[in-house]
Amino acid sequence: MNNTVKRLIPIALIALVVLGGLIFWEQPSQINMADLDSITIKVTGMTCVSCDNKVNKSISKLPGVQAVDIDRKEEKVIIHHRKGAAHVQTYMDAINALGYKASLVDKGNGKIEVLQFKMTYK
């Protein structure tokens, strides 16, 4: 085998792997907004972009969460999740575990129901 063919073999193998991956690559499933619920949680104590990122990362890891919208100025987090995916308490516990104070926002009449949580620090 000559040197040119020896150099082309690895390139050809890489091309096959890449093309094979493109052929079998699946598009992410489309999210139907009708299948999602949203919950708005009032969160106090977030003071910077780093706070936003910590909350977003923590909530996004929970099962069924599709999107997290954070408005630090308005002190609210809107969680878009699959219907029945998790109980609101799960989201609030995750936020409180980061050291912030979470409470429910009743979007129906604008009243805020403050829930008390016991927080322990180790």
N, C-alpha and C. Protein backbone atom coordinates (compact mmCIF):
# COMPACT_ATOMS: atom_id res chain seq x y z
N MET A 1 0.85 -1.17 0.00
CA MET A 1 0.00 0.00 0.00
C MET A 1 0.90 1.24 0.00
N ASN A 2 0.58 2.18 -0.87
CA ASN A 2 1.45 3.36 -0.93
C ASN A 2 1.06 4.36 0.17
N ASN A 3 1.90 5.38 0.36
CA ASN A 3 1.73 6.34 1.44
C ASN A 3 0.45 7.17 1.31
N THR A 4 0.07 7.49 0.10
CA THR A 4 -1.14 8.29 -0.11
C THR A 4 -2.37 7.55 0.37
N VAL A 5 -2.47 6.28 0.06
CA VAL A 5 -3.61 5.47 0.48
C VAL A 5 -3.61 5.33 2.00
N LYS A 6 -2.43 5.14 2.60
CA LYS A 6 -2.34 5.02 4.05
C LYS A 6 -2.81 6.29 4.75
N ARG A 7 -2.54 7.44 4.16
CA ARG A 7 -2.98 8.71 4.75
C ARG A 7 -4.48 8.93 4.57
N LEU A 8 -5.04 8.39 3.51
CA LEU A 8 -6.46 8.60 3.23
C LEU A 8 -7.38 7.69 4.05
N ILE A 9 -6.87 6.56 4.49
CA ILE A 9 -7.69 5.62 5.26
C ILE A 9 -8.26 6.26 6.53
N PRO A 10 -7.45 6.91 7.39
CA PRO A 10 -8.04 7.53 8.59
C PRO A 10 -9.04 8.63 8.25
N ILE A 11 -8.77 9.39 7.20
CA ILE A 11 -9.70 10.45 6.80
C ILE A 11 -11.02 9.85 6.34
N ALA A 12 -10.94 8.76 5.59
CA ALA A 12 -12.15 8.09 5.11
C ALA A 12 -12.95 7.52 6.28
N LEU A 13 -12.27 6.96 7.27
CA LEU A 13 -12.96 6.41 8.44
C LEU A 13 -13.66 7.52 9.24
N ILE A 14 -12.99 8.63 9.40
CA ILE A 14 -13.60 9.76 10.12
C ILE A 14 -14.83 10.25 9.36
N ALA A 15 -14.72 10.35 8.05
CA ALA A 15 -15.85 10.81 7.23
C ALA A 15 -17.04 9.85 7.38
N LEU A 16 -16.78 8.55 7.39
CA LEU A 16 -17.86 7.57 7.56
C LEU A 16 -18.53 7.71 8.92
N VAL A 17 -17.74 7.92 9.95
CA VAL A 17 -18.31 8.08 11.29
C VAL A 17 -19.18 9.33 11.36
N VAL A 18 -18.67 10.42 10.82
CA VAL A 18 -19.42 11.68 10.83
C VAL A 18 -20.70 11.54 10.02
N LEU A 19 -20.61 11.01 8.81
CA LEU A 19 -21.80 10.85 7.98
C LEU A 19 -22.78 9.89 8.61
N GLY A 20 -22.28 8.82 9.19
CA GLY A 20 -23.16 7.86 9.86
C GLY A 20 -23.89 8.51 11.02
N GLY A 21 -23.18 9.34 11.76
CA GLY A 21 -23.80 10.05 12.87
C GLY A 21 -24.87 11.00 12.40
N LEU A 22 -24.64 11.68 11.28
CA LEU A 22 -25.64 12.60 10.75
C LEU A 22 -26.88 11.87 10.26
N ILE A 23 -26.68 10.70 9.68
CA ILE A 23 -27.81 9.93 9.18
C ILE A 23 -28.70 9.45 10.32
N PHE A 24 -28.09 9.01 11.42
CA PHE A 24 -28.85 8.44 12.52
C PHE A 24 -29.16 9.45 13.63
N TRP A 25 -28.71 10.70 13.47
CA TRP A 25 -28.97 11.72 14.47
C TRP A 25 -30.45 12.06 14.47
N GLU A 26 -31.04 12.08 15.65
CA GLU A 26 -32.47 12.37 15.76
C GLU A 26 -32.66 13.82 16.16
N GLN A 27 -33.65 14.42 15.57
CA GLN A 27 -34.03 15.76 15.96
C GLN A 27 -34.65 15.69 17.36
N PRO A 28 -34.39 16.69 18.21
CA PRO A 28 -35.05 16.68 19.51
C PRO A 28 -36.56 16.77 19.33
N SER A 29 -37.28 16.11 20.20
CA SER A 29 -38.73 16.12 20.07
C SER A 29 -39.26 17.53 20.31
N GLN A 30 -40.26 17.88 19.54
CA GLN A 30 -40.86 19.19 19.67
C GLN A 30 -41.73 19.22 20.91
N ILE A 31 -41.71 20.35 21.61
CA ILE A 31 -42.50 20.50 22.82
C ILE A 31 -43.83 21.14 22.45
N ASN A 32 -44.90 20.48 22.81
CA ASN A 32 -46.22 21.03 22.60
C ASN A 32 -46.59 21.84 23.84
N MET A 33 -46.76 23.15 23.68
CA MET A 33 -47.04 24.01 24.82
C MET A 33 -48.31 23.61 25.55
N ALA A 34 -49.23 22.93 24.86
CA ALA A 34 -50.46 22.49 25.51
C ALA A 34 -50.18 21.40 26.54
N ASP A 35 -49.04 20.75 26.43
CA ASP A 35 -48.68 19.70 27.37
C ASP A 35 -47.90 20.22 28.57
N LEU A 36 -47.72 21.55 28.64
CA LEU A 36 -46.94 22.14 29.72
C LEU A 36 -47.82 22.92 30.69
N ASP A 37 -47.40 22.91 31.94
CA ASP A 37 -47.97 23.77 32.96
C ASP A 37 -46.89 24.75 33.36
N SER A 38 -47.29 25.85 33.95
CA SER A 38 -46.33 26.83 34.46
C SER A 38 -46.66 27.14 35.91
N ILE A 39 -45.65 27.33 36.69
CA ILE A 39 -45.82 27.74 38.08
C ILE A 39 -44.93 28.94 38.31
N THR A 40 -45.47 29.95 38.96
CA THR A 40 -44.70 31.14 39.28
C THR A 40 -44.36 31.11 40.76
N ILE A 41 -43.09 31.26 41.05
CA ILE A 41 -42.61 31.24 42.43
C ILE A 41 -41.91 32.56 42.71
N LYS A 42 -42.29 33.19 43.80
CA LYS A 42 -41.59 34.41 44.23
C LYS A 42 -40.34 33.97 44.96
N VAL A 43 -39.20 34.54 44.55
CA VAL A 43 -37.91 34.18 45.14
C VAL A 43 -37.20 35.45 45.59
N THR A 44 -36.92 35.54 46.87
CA THR A 44 -36.18 36.69 47.38
C THR A 44 -34.76 36.25 47.72
N GLY A 45 -33.85 37.20 47.60
CA GLY A 45 -32.45 36.92 47.94
C GLY A 45 -31.54 36.79 46.74
N MET A 46 -32.09 36.77 45.53
CA MET A 46 -31.25 36.69 44.34
C MET A 46 -30.76 38.10 44.03
N THR A 47 -29.45 38.29 43.99
CA THR A 47 -28.90 39.64 43.83
C THR A 47 -28.05 39.81 42.58
N CYS A 48 -27.75 38.72 41.87
CA CYS A 48 -26.83 38.85 40.73
C CYS A 48 -27.09 37.76 39.70
N VAL A 49 -26.38 37.85 38.60
CA VAL A 49 -26.51 36.86 37.52
C VAL A 49 -26.11 35.47 38.01
N SER A 50 -25.14 35.41 38.87
CA SER A 50 -24.72 34.12 39.42
C SER A 50 -25.87 33.44 40.18
N CYS A 51 -26.64 34.24 40.90
CA CYS A 51 -27.82 33.71 41.60
C CYS A 51 -28.80 33.12 40.59
N ASP A 52 -29.06 33.88 39.53
CA ASP A 52 -29.96 33.41 38.47
C ASP A 52 -29.49 32.07 37.93
N ASN A 53 -28.20 32.00 37.64
CA ASN A 53 -27.64 30.77 37.06
C ASN A 53 -27.76 29.59 38.01
N LYS A 54 -27.53 29.82 39.30
CA LYS A 54 -27.65 28.72 40.27
C LYS A 54 -29.08 28.20 40.34
N VAL A 55 -30.05 29.11 40.38
CA VAL A 55 -31.45 28.70 40.43
C VAL A 55 -31.84 27.98 39.15
N ASN A 56 -31.46 28.55 38.01
CA ASN A 56 -31.78 27.94 36.72
C ASN A 56 -31.21 26.53 36.62
N LYS A 57 -29.96 26.38 36.99
CA LYS A 57 -29.30 25.07 36.91
C LYS A 57 -29.98 24.05 37.83
N SER A 58 -30.29 24.48 39.03
CA SER A 58 -30.92 23.57 40.00
C SER A 58 -32.30 23.12 39.55
N ILE A 59 -33.12 24.06 39.09
CA ILE A 59 -34.48 23.74 38.66
C ILE A 59 -34.49 22.95 37.36
N SER A 60 -33.61 23.32 36.44
CA SER A 60 -33.58 22.65 35.13
C SER A 60 -33.25 21.17 35.24
N LYS A 61 -32.56 20.77 36.30
CA LYS A 61 -32.20 19.36 36.49
C LYS A 61 -33.38 18.50 36.92
N LEU A 62 -34.44 19.13 37.41
CA LEU A 62 -35.57 18.36 37.94
C LEU A 62 -36.36 17.73 36.80
N PRO A 63 -36.92 16.55 37.05
CA PRO A 63 -37.65 15.84 35.99
C PRO A 63 -38.84 16.66 35.48
N GLY A 64 -39.00 16.67 34.17
CA GLY A 64 -40.15 17.30 33.54
C GLY A 64 -40.01 18.78 33.26
N VAL A 65 -38.97 19.43 33.78
CA VAL A 65 -38.80 20.86 33.56
C VAL A 65 -38.34 21.09 32.13
N GLN A 66 -39.06 21.95 31.42
CA GLN A 66 -38.73 22.26 30.04
C GLN A 66 -38.04 23.60 29.88
N ALA A 67 -38.40 24.56 30.75
CA ALA A 67 -37.81 25.90 30.66
C ALA A 67 -37.96 26.60 32.00
N VAL A 68 -37.03 27.50 32.27
CA VAL A 68 -37.06 28.30 33.49
C VAL A 68 -36.83 29.75 33.10
N ASP A 69 -37.77 30.62 33.46
CA ASP A 69 -37.64 32.06 33.21
C ASP A 69 -37.42 32.74 34.55
N ILE A 70 -36.36 33.52 34.65
CA ILE A 70 -36.03 34.19 35.90
C ILE A 70 -36.07 35.69 35.69
N ASP A 71 -36.80 36.37 36.56
CA ASP A 71 -36.85 37.83 36.55
C ASP A 71 -36.43 38.30 37.94
N ARG A 72 -35.14 38.57 38.08
CA ARG A 72 -34.58 38.93 39.38
C ARG A 72 -35.19 40.23 39.90
N LYS A 73 -35.41 41.20 39.00
CA LYS A 73 -35.96 42.49 39.41
C LYS A 73 -37.36 42.33 40.00
N GLU A 74 -38.17 41.49 39.40
CA GLU A 74 -39.53 41.24 39.90
C GLU A 74 -39.56 40.14 40.95
N GLU A 75 -38.40 39.56 41.23
CA GLU A 75 -38.26 38.48 42.23
C GLU A 75 -39.17 37.30 41.93
N LYS A 76 -39.14 36.84 40.68
CA LYS A 76 -39.97 35.69 40.36
C LYS A 76 -39.26 34.74 39.41
N VAL A 77 -39.64 33.49 39.57
CA VAL A 77 -39.14 32.41 38.72
C VAL A 77 -40.37 31.71 38.15
N ILE A 78 -40.42 31.59 36.84
CA ILE A 78 -41.52 30.88 36.19
C ILE A 78 -40.95 29.57 35.66
N ILE A 79 -41.55 28.48 36.10
CA ILE A 79 -41.08 27.15 35.71
C ILE A 79 -42.12 26.54 34.78
N HIS A 80 -41.69 26.19 33.57
CA HIS A 80 -42.54 25.54 32.59
C HIS A 80 -42.20 24.05 32.64
N HIS A 81 -43.18 23.23 32.96
CA HIS A 81 -42.92 21.80 33.14
C HIS A 81 -44.05 20.98 32.55
N ARG A 82 -43.73 19.71 32.29
CA ARG A 82 -44.76 18.79 31.79
C ARG A 82 -45.82 18.62 32.87
N LYS A 83 -47.05 18.52 32.44
CA LYS A 83 -48.16 18.34 33.38
C LYS A 83 -47.92 17.12 34.24
N GLY A 84 -48.08 17.29 35.54
CA GLY A 84 -47.93 16.20 36.48
C GLY A 84 -46.50 15.75 36.70
N ALA A 85 -45.52 16.51 36.22
CA ALA A 85 -44.12 16.09 36.31
C ALA A 85 -43.59 16.12 37.74
N ALA A 86 -43.92 17.15 38.48
CA ALA A 86 -43.42 17.28 39.85
C ALA A 86 -44.35 18.17 40.64
N HIS A 87 -44.31 18.00 41.93
CA HIS A 87 -45.11 18.83 42.81
C HIS A 87 -44.39 20.16 43.03
N VAL A 88 -45.14 21.23 43.19
CA VAL A 88 -44.55 22.55 43.38
C VAL A 88 -43.58 22.56 44.56
N GLN A 89 -43.85 21.75 45.55
CA GLN A 89 -42.97 21.70 46.72
C GLN A 89 -41.56 21.29 46.34
N THR A 90 -41.44 20.43 45.33
CA THR A 90 -40.12 19.99 44.85
C THR A 90 -39.32 21.19 44.33
N TYR A 91 -39.98 22.05 43.56
CA TYR A 91 -39.31 23.23 43.04
C TYR A 91 -38.91 24.19 44.16
N MET A 92 -39.81 24.38 45.08
CA MET A 92 -39.55 25.31 46.18
C MET A 92 -38.43 24.79 47.08
N ASP A 93 -38.42 23.50 47.32
CA ASP A 93 -37.34 22.91 48.13
C ASP A 93 -35.99 23.12 47.45
N ALA A 94 -35.95 22.96 46.13
CA ALA A 94 -34.69 23.14 45.39
C ALA A 94 -34.20 24.58 45.51
N ILE A 95 -35.11 25.53 45.42
CA ILE A 95 -34.73 26.94 45.54
C ILE A 95 -34.28 27.26 46.96
N ASN A 96 -35.03 26.78 47.93
CA ASN A 96 -34.67 27.03 49.33
C ASN A 96 -33.34 26.39 49.70
N ALA A 97 -33.05 25.25 49.11
CA ALA A 97 -31.78 24.56 49.40
C ALA A 97 -30.58 25.41 48.97
N LEU A 98 -30.80 26.33 48.04
CA LEU A 98 -29.73 27.21 47.59
C LEU A 98 -29.56 28.42 48.51
N GLY A 99 -30.47 28.58 49.48
CA GLY A 99 -30.38 29.68 50.43
C GLY A 99 -31.29 30.85 50.13
N TYR A 100 -32.17 30.72 49.14
CA TYR A 100 -33.12 31.78 48.82
C TYR A 100 -34.45 31.46 49.49
N LYS A 101 -35.34 32.43 49.55
CA LYS A 101 -36.65 32.22 50.15
C LYS A 101 -37.68 32.15 49.04
N ALA A 102 -38.39 31.05 48.97
CA ALA A 102 -39.38 30.83 47.92
C ALA A 102 -40.79 30.88 48.51
N SER A 103 -41.70 31.48 47.75
CA SER A 103 -43.11 31.49 48.13
C SER A 103 -43.95 31.43 46.87
N LEU A 104 -45.17 30.97 47.02
CA LEU A 104 -46.06 30.84 45.87
C LEU A 104 -46.67 32.17 45.48
N VAL A 105 -46.88 32.35 44.21
CA VAL A 105 -47.61 33.50 43.69
C VAL A 105 -48.89 32.96 43.08
N ASP A 106 -50.01 33.36 43.63
CA ASP A 106 -51.30 32.96 43.07
C ASP A 106 -51.63 33.91 41.94
N LYS A 107 -51.50 33.45 40.71
CA LYS A 107 -51.71 34.33 39.56
C LYS A 107 -53.18 34.70 39.37
N GLY A 108 -54.07 33.94 40.01
CA GLY A 108 -55.49 34.20 39.84
C GLY A 108 -55.93 35.53 40.43
N ASN A 109 -55.55 35.80 41.67
CA ASN A 109 -56.02 37.03 42.29
C ASN A 109 -54.86 37.91 42.78
N GLY A 110 -53.66 37.54 42.47
CA GLY A 110 -52.51 38.37 42.82
C GLY A 110 -52.04 38.25 44.25
N LYS A 111 -52.74 37.49 45.07
CA LYS A 111 -52.31 37.32 46.46
C LYS A 111 -51.09 36.41 46.52
N ILE A 112 -50.27 36.67 47.50
CA ILE A 112 -49.08 35.84 47.68
C ILE A 112 -49.25 35.02 48.95
N GLU A 113 -49.13 33.73 48.80
CA GLU A 113 -49.20 32.84 49.94
C GLU A 113 -47.76 32.49 50.32
N VAL A 114 -47.32 32.98 51.45
CA VAL A 114 -45.95 32.73 51.87
C VAL A 114 -45.90 31.40 52.62
N LEU A 115 -45.03 30.55 52.18
CA LEU A 115 -44.86 29.25 52.83
C LEU A 115 -43.58 29.29 53.65
N GLN A 116 -43.64 28.78 54.82
CA GLN A 116 -42.48 28.77 55.70
C GLN A 116 -41.73 27.45 55.53
N PHE A 117 -40.42 27.54 55.52
CA PHE A 117 -39.60 26.35 55.37
C PHE A 117 -38.54 26.33 56.46
N LYS A 118 -38.24 25.17 56.92
CA LYS A 118 -37.15 25.03 57.86
C LYS A 118 -35.88 24.80 57.04
N MET A 119 -34.89 25.66 57.26
CA MET A 119 -33.63 25.53 56.54
C MET A 119 -32.54 25.22 57.53
N THR A 120 -31.75 24.24 57.21
CA THR A 120 -30.61 23.91 58.07
C THR A 120 -29.33 24.06 57.29
N TYR A 121 -28.31 24.54 57.92
CA TYR A 121 -27.02 24.73 57.28
C TYR A 121 -26.03 23.80 57.94
N LYS A 122 -25.20 23.16 57.14
CA LYS A 122 -24.18 22.26 57.67
C LYS A 122 -22.83 22.89 57.54
